[in-house]
């Protein structure tokens, strides 16, 4: 039978996904900084990579709490590897994971569409801006510059965290690997008894 809560397998698979993304997150920093000198907040177009664990893990496991767990675990992994932003990395992970999780909650954890995944990317982006606001620097920008920053981060997040994550998981689904970690349905068990 399909279990509603997280099983140990769900948690372990989520943490493995998070560890993979923690390494990616750590390696992503130099790309982010390489784009900064070009101006126009071009680096914000790749910022969304730091939210991707949430959507990928949710699309694979498809249970409540997975997006938040994945993002916090990935941020923790990045922190352990020496994140440039120190402990703030973990706090960002909490806000970003909550942003994505809230979108999946609004859709009752039953929609795995590209549209919902893209909305989750926007939710994670909003979570990152909450932390930016807490840090206080966000109000230092002129309005046009702030709107450019918000626009670049949001569009980049939709592309990376929404579209790329969605099609990455679709590719995994085509191999059948995701069925190894998703709970079986009653029909699956009934088929075994025939």
C-alpha atoms as a PDB file:
ATOM      1  CA  UNK A   1       0.000   0.000   0.000  1.00  0.00           C
ATOM      2  CA  UNK A   2       1.085   3.546  -0.648  1.00  0.00           C
ATOM      3  CA  UNK A   3       2.136   5.178   2.618  1.00  0.00           C
ATOM      4  CA  UNK A   4       1.255   8.834   3.178  1.00  0.00           C
ATOM      5  CA  UNK A   5       4.128   9.823   5.457  1.00  0.00           C
ATOM      6  CA  UNK A   6       7.802   9.721   4.688  1.00  0.00           C
ATOM      7  CA  UNK A   7       9.373   6.304   4.979  1.00  0.00           C
ATOM      8  CA  UNK A   8      13.001   5.710   5.854  1.00  0.00           C
ATOM      9  CA  UNK A   9      13.627   4.981   2.165  1.00  0.00           C
ATOM     10  CA  UNK A  10      12.037   8.321   1.198  1.00  0.00           C
ATOM     11  CA  UNK A  11      14.247  10.166   3.664  1.00  0.00           C
ATOM     12  CA  UNK A  12      17.416   8.365   2.602  1.00  0.00           C
ATOM     13  CA  UNK A  13      16.761   8.908  -1.117  1.00  0.00           C
ATOM     14  CA  UNK A  14      16.000  12.583  -0.425  1.00  0.00           C
ATOM     15  CA  UNK A  15      19.262  12.949   1.488  1.00  0.00           C
ATOM     16  CA  UNK A  16      21.222  11.251  -1.312  1.00  0.00           C
ATOM     17  CA  UNK A  17      19.653  13.651  -3.833  1.00  0.00           C
ATOM     18  CA  UNK A  18      20.519  16.513  -1.475  1.00  0.00           C
ATOM     19  CA  UNK A  19      24.150  15.380  -1.156  1.00  0.00           C
ATOM     20  CA  UNK A  20      24.489  15.311  -4.941  1.00  0.00           C
ATOM     21  CA  UNK A  21      23.060  18.814  -5.123  1.00  0.00           C
ATOM     22  CA  UNK A  22      25.238  19.993  -2.229  1.00  0.00           C
ATOM     23  CA  UNK A  23      28.290  19.145  -4.334  1.00  0.00           C
ATOM     24  CA  UNK A  24      26.740  20.880  -7.356  1.00  0.00           C
ATOM     25  CA  UNK A  25      25.876  23.903  -5.201  1.00  0.00           C
ATOM     26  CA  UNK A  26      29.442  24.126  -3.962  1.00  0.00           C
ATOM     27  CA  UNK A  27      30.811  23.910  -7.498  1.00  0.00           C
ATOM     28  CA  UNK A  28      28.245  26.435  -8.779  1.00  0.00           C
ATOM     29  CA  UNK A  29      29.687  29.355  -6.775  1.00  0.00           C
ATOM     30  CA  UNK A  30      32.592  30.093  -9.171  1.00  0.00           C
ATOM     31  CA  UNK A  31      30.188  30.289 -12.141  1.00  0.00           C
ATOM     32  CA  UNK A  32      27.982  32.711 -10.211  1.00  0.00           C
ATOM     33  CA  UNK A  33      30.978  34.915  -9.405  1.00  0.00           C
ATOM     34  CA  UNK A  34      32.356  34.666 -12.956  1.00  0.00           C
ATOM     35  CA  UNK A  35      29.135  36.236 -14.268  1.00  0.00           C
ATOM     36  CA  UNK A  36      29.090  39.130 -11.769  1.00  0.00           C
ATOM     37  CA  UNK A  37      31.556  41.383 -13.648  1.00  0.00           C
ATOM     38  CA  UNK A  38      29.290  41.399 -16.731  1.00  0.00           C
ATOM     39  CA  UNK A  39      26.738  43.506 -14.829  1.00  0.00           C
ATOM     40  CA  UNK A  40      22.986  43.699 -15.291  1.00  0.00           C
ATOM     41  CA  UNK A  41      22.650  41.039 -12.594  1.00  0.00           C
ATOM     42  CA  UNK A  42      23.567  38.339 -15.114  1.00  0.00           C
ATOM     43  CA  UNK A  43      24.730  36.168 -12.186  1.00  0.00           C
ATOM     44  CA  UNK A  44      21.125  36.113 -10.953  1.00  0.00           C
ATOM     45  CA  UNK A  45      20.159  34.100 -14.052  1.00  0.00           C
ATOM     46  CA  UNK A  46      22.085  31.128 -12.615  1.00  0.00           C
ATOM     47  CA  UNK A  47      21.167  31.730  -8.960  1.00  0.00           C
ATOM     48  CA  UNK A  48      18.264  29.304  -9.196  1.00  0.00           C
ATOM     49  CA  UNK A  49      20.561  26.298  -9.261  1.00  0.00           C
ATOM     50  CA  UNK A  50      20.715  26.652  -5.471  1.00  0.00           C
ATOM     51  CA  UNK A  51      16.989  25.749  -5.277  1.00  0.00           C
ATOM     52  CA  UNK A  52      17.011  22.706  -7.536  1.00  0.00           C
ATOM     53  CA  UNK A  53      17.275  19.983  -4.884  1.00  0.00           C
ATOM     54  CA  UNK A  54      13.776  20.863  -3.657  1.00  0.00           C
ATOM     55  CA  UNK A  55      11.985  20.389  -6.970  1.00  0.00           C
ATOM     56  CA  UNK A  56      13.968  17.368  -8.141  1.00  0.00           C
ATOM     57  CA  UNK A  57      13.490  15.526  -4.852  1.00  0.00           C
ATOM     58  CA  UNK A  58       9.767  16.323  -4.734  1.00  0.00           C
ATOM     59  CA  UNK A  59       9.216  15.222  -8.336  1.00  0.00           C
ATOM     60  CA  UNK A  60      10.913  11.908  -7.547  1.00  0.00           C
ATOM     61  CA  UNK A  61       9.491  11.148  -4.076  1.00  0.00           C
ATOM     62  CA  UNK A  62       6.159  13.042  -4.419  1.00  0.00           C
ATOM     63  CA  UNK A  63       5.397  13.384  -0.728  1.00  0.00           C
ATOM     64  CA  UNK A  64       4.877  16.292   1.686  1.00  0.00           C
ATOM     65  CA  UNK A  65       8.006  17.636   3.335  1.00  0.00           C
ATOM     66  CA  UNK A  66      10.431  16.346   0.730  1.00  0.00           C
ATOM     67  CA  UNK A  67      11.140  19.722  -0.912  1.00  0.00           C
ATOM     68  CA  UNK A  68      11.986  21.332   2.425  1.00  0.00           C
ATOM     69  CA  UNK A  69      14.032  18.345   3.605  1.00  0.00           C
ATOM     70  CA  UNK A  70      15.995  18.208   0.351  1.00  0.00           C
ATOM     71  CA  UNK A  71      16.789  21.913   0.310  1.00  0.00           C
ATOM     72  CA  UNK A  72      17.835  22.027   3.969  1.00  0.00           C
ATOM     73  CA  UNK A  73      19.929  18.873   3.590  1.00  0.00           C
ATOM     74  CA  UNK A  74      21.596  20.233   0.437  1.00  0.00           C
ATOM     75  CA  UNK A  75      22.325  23.552   2.161  1.00  0.00           C
ATOM     76  CA  UNK A  76      23.727  21.624   5.138  1.00  0.00           C
ATOM     77  CA  UNK A  77      25.959  19.620   2.828  1.00  0.00           C
ATOM     78  CA  UNK A  78      27.189  22.765   1.142  1.00  0.00           C
ATOM     79  CA  UNK A  79      27.834  24.314   4.554  1.00  0.00           C
ATOM     80  CA  UNK A  80      29.880  21.302   5.649  1.00  0.00           C
ATOM     81  CA  UNK A  81      31.947  21.588   2.453  1.00  0.00           C
ATOM     82  CA  UNK A  82      32.792  25.193   3.289  1.00  0.00           C
ATOM     83  CA  UNK A  83      30.098  27.361   1.759  1.00  0.00           C
ATOM     84  CA  UNK A  84      31.208  30.897   0.953  1.00  0.00           C
ATOM     85  CA  UNK A  85      28.254  32.328   2.869  1.00  0.00           C
ATOM     86  CA  UNK A  86      28.771  30.309   6.051  1.00  0.00           C
ATOM     87  CA  UNK A  87      25.813  29.556   8.292  1.00  0.00           C
ATOM     88  CA  UNK A  88      23.581  31.838   6.216  1.00  0.00           C
ATOM     89  CA  UNK A  89      23.649  29.059   3.606  1.00  0.00           C
ATOM     90  CA  UNK A  90      21.568  26.872   5.905  1.00  0.00           C
ATOM     91  CA  UNK A  91      19.086  29.665   6.642  1.00  0.00           C
ATOM     92  CA  UNK A  92      18.736  30.367   2.922  1.00  0.00           C
ATOM     93  CA  UNK A  93      18.077  26.649   2.411  1.00  0.00           C
ATOM     94  CA  UNK A  94      15.243  26.738   4.948  1.00  0.00           C
ATOM     95  CA  UNK A  95      13.544  29.734   3.309  1.00  0.00           C
ATOM     96  CA  UNK A  96      14.050  28.406  -0.213  1.00  0.00           C
ATOM     97  CA  UNK A  97      12.765  24.956   0.752  1.00  0.00           C
ATOM     98  CA  UNK A  98       9.737  26.483   2.478  1.00  0.00           C
ATOM     99  CA  UNK A  99       8.972  28.557  -0.611  1.00  0.00           C
ATOM    100  CA  UNK A 100       8.942  25.493  -2.869  1.00  0.00           C
ATOM    101  CA  UNK A 101       7.116  23.375  -0.282  1.00  0.00           C
ATOM    102  CA  UNK A 102       4.348  25.965   0.040  1.00  0.00           C
ATOM    103  CA  UNK A 103       3.586  25.741  -3.687  1.00  0.00           C
ATOM    104  CA  UNK A 104       3.407  21.946  -3.593  1.00  0.00           C
ATOM    105  CA  UNK A 105       1.122  22.239  -0.546  1.00  0.00           C
ATOM    106  CA  UNK A 106      -1.206  24.647  -2.380  1.00  0.00           C
ATOM    107  CA  UNK A 107      -1.627  21.954  -5.040  1.00  0.00           C
ATOM    108  CA  UNK A 108      -2.182  19.316  -2.308  1.00  0.00           C
ATOM    109  CA  UNK A 109       1.033  17.504  -3.338  1.00  0.00           C
ATOM    110  CA  UNK A 110      -0.865  15.966  -6.273  1.00  0.00           C
ATOM    111  CA  UNK A 111       0.373  17.960  -9.249  1.00  0.00           C
ATOM    112  CA  UNK A 112       3.738  17.165 -10.805  1.00  0.00           C
ATOM    113  CA  UNK A 113       3.321  19.337 -13.884  1.00  0.00           C
ATOM    114  CA  UNK A 114       5.804  21.711 -15.438  1.00  0.00           C
ATOM    115  CA  UNK A 115       3.527  24.588 -14.419  1.00  0.00           C
ATOM    116  CA  UNK A 116       3.538  23.626 -10.721  1.00  0.00           C
ATOM    117  CA  UNK A 117       7.265  22.911 -10.780  1.00  0.00           C
ATOM    118  CA  UNK A 118       7.833  26.375 -12.265  1.00  0.00           C
ATOM    119  CA  UNK A 119       5.631  27.908  -9.569  1.00  0.00           C
ATOM    120  CA  UNK A 120       7.712  26.041  -6.964  1.00  0.00           C
ATOM    121  CA  UNK A 121      10.782  27.648  -8.535  1.00  0.00           C
ATOM    122  CA  UNK A 122       9.137  31.041  -8.030  1.00  0.00           C
ATOM    123  CA  UNK A 123       8.285  30.049  -4.437  1.00  0.00           C
ATOM    124  CA  UNK A 124      11.912  29.139  -3.747  1.00  0.00           C
ATOM    125  CA  UNK A 125      12.974  32.416  -5.342  1.00  0.00           C
ATOM    126  CA  UNK A 126      10.608  34.294  -3.045  1.00  0.00           C
ATOM    127  CA  UNK A 127      12.151  32.421  -0.108  1.00  0.00           C
ATOM    128  CA  UNK A 128      15.593  33.612  -1.174  1.00  0.00           C
ATOM    129  CA  UNK A 129      14.333  37.197  -1.284  1.00  0.00           C
ATOM    130  CA  UNK A 130      12.962  36.848   2.243  1.00  0.00           C
ATOM    131  CA  UNK A 131      16.463  36.055   3.421  1.00  0.00           C
ATOM    132  CA  UNK A 132      17.933  38.855   1.278  1.00  0.00           C
ATOM    133  CA  UNK A 133      15.470  41.227   2.951  1.00  0.00           C
ATOM    134  CA  UNK A 134      16.456  39.990   6.410  1.00  0.00           C
ATOM    135  CA  UNK A 135      20.096  40.609   5.531  1.00  0.00           C
ATOM    136  CA  UNK A 136      19.078  44.165   4.651  1.00  0.00           C
ATOM    137  CA  UNK A 137      21.051  44.846   1.487  1.00  0.00           C
ATOM    138  CA  UNK A 138      18.094  44.467  -0.858  1.00  0.00           C
ATOM    139  CA  UNK A 139      16.888  47.995  -0.042  1.00  0.00           C
ATOM    140  CA  UNK A 140      20.208  49.489  -1.133  1.00  0.00           C
ATOM    141  CA  UNK A 141      19.282  49.073  -4.802  1.00  0.00           C
ATOM    142  CA  UNK A 142      17.555  51.693  -6.909  1.00  0.00           C
ATOM    143  CA  UNK A 143      14.100  50.516  -8.006  1.00  0.00           C
ATOM    144  CA  UNK A 144      15.137  49.745 -11.594  1.00  0.00           C
ATOM    145  CA  UNK A 145      18.137  47.771 -10.359  1.00  0.00           C
ATOM    146  CA  UNK A 146      16.050  45.870  -7.809  1.00  0.00           C
ATOM    147  CA  UNK A 147      13.459  44.992 -10.466  1.00  0.00           C
ATOM    148  CA  UNK A 148      16.244  43.773 -12.759  1.00  0.00           C
ATOM    149  CA  UNK A 149      17.670  41.605  -9.964  1.00  0.00           C
ATOM    150  CA  UNK A 150      14.228  40.150  -9.147  1.00  0.00           C
ATOM    151  CA  UNK A 151      13.475  39.560 -12.821  1.00  0.00           C
ATOM    152  CA  UNK A 152      16.775  37.858 -13.614  1.00  0.00           C
ATOM    153  CA  UNK A 153      16.645  35.616 -10.548  1.00  0.00           C
ATOM    154  CA  UNK A 154      13.022  34.677 -11.125  1.00  0.00           C
ATOM    155  CA  UNK A 155      13.385  33.919 -14.841  1.00  0.00           C
ATOM    156  CA  UNK A 156      16.622  32.003 -14.250  1.00  0.00           C
ATOM    157  CA  UNK A 157      14.948  30.019 -11.479  1.00  0.00           C
ATOM    158  CA  UNK A 158      11.968  29.124 -13.649  1.00  0.00           C
ATOM    159  CA  UNK A 159      14.356  27.858 -16.332  1.00  0.00           C
ATOM    160  CA  UNK A 160      16.727  25.954 -14.018  1.00  0.00           C
ATOM    161  CA  UNK A 161      14.536  24.893 -11.099  1.00  0.00           C
ATOM    162  CA  UNK A 162      11.287  24.581 -13.009  1.00  0.00           C
ATOM    163  CA  UNK A 163      11.962  23.519 -16.584  1.00  0.00           C
ATOM    164  CA  UNK A 164      15.355  21.785 -16.218  1.00  0.00           C
ATOM    165  CA  UNK A 165      14.351  19.944 -13.035  1.00  0.00           C
ATOM    166  CA  UNK A 166      11.071  18.818 -14.609  1.00  0.00           C
ATOM    167  CA  UNK A 167      12.762  17.407 -17.709  1.00  0.00           C
ATOM    168  CA  UNK A 168      15.612  15.897 -15.690  1.00  0.00           C
ATOM    169  CA  UNK A 169      13.092  13.901 -13.650  1.00  0.00           C
ATOM    170  CA  UNK A 170      11.142  13.028 -16.832  1.00  0.00           C
ATOM    171  CA  UNK A 171      14.384  11.605 -18.246  1.00  0.00           C
ATOM    172  CA  UNK A 172      14.909   9.599 -15.049  1.00  0.00           C
ATOM    173  CA  UNK A 173      11.312   8.368 -15.251  1.00  0.00           C
ATOM    174  CA  UNK A 174      11.882   7.115 -18.796  1.00  0.00           C
ATOM    175  CA  UNK A 175      14.644   4.845 -17.464  1.00  0.00           C
ATOM    176  CA  UNK A 176      12.318   3.423 -14.803  1.00  0.00           C
ATOM    177  CA  UNK A 177      14.656   4.372 -11.937  1.00  0.00           C
ATOM    178  CA  UNK A 178      12.064   6.564 -10.200  1.00  0.00           C
ATOM    179  CA  UNK A 179       9.720   3.605  -9.816  1.00  0.00           C
ATOM    180  CA  UNK A 180      12.325   2.034  -7.535  1.00  0.00           C
ATOM    181  CA  UNK A 181      11.803   4.764  -4.946  1.00  0.00           C
ATOM    182  CA  UNK A 182       8.129   5.631  -5.342  1.00  0.00           C
ATOM    183  CA  UNK A 183       5.646   3.800  -3.205  1.00  0.00           C
ATOM    184  CA  UNK A 184       3.624   1.138  -4.932  1.00  0.00           C
ATOM    185  CA  UNK A 185      -0.118   1.498  -5.379  1.00  0.00           C
ATOM    186  CA  UNK A 186      -2.826  -0.928  -4.301  1.00  0.00           C
ATOM    187  CA  UNK A 187      -3.138  -2.009  -7.948  1.00  0.00           C
ATOM    188  CA  UNK A 188       0.548  -2.942  -7.966  1.00  0.00           C
ATOM    189  CA  UNK A 189       0.082  -5.179  -4.925  1.00  0.00           C
ATOM    190  CA  UNK A 190      -3.119  -6.671  -6.334  1.00  0.00           C
ATOM    191  CA  UNK A 191      -1.295  -7.532  -9.537  1.00  0.00           C
ATOM    192  CA  UNK A 192       1.253  -9.509  -7.504  1.00  0.00           C
ATOM    193  CA  UNK A 193      -1.510 -11.625  -5.991  1.00  0.00           C
ATOM    194  CA  UNK A 194      -2.930 -12.767  -9.366  1.00  0.00           C
END
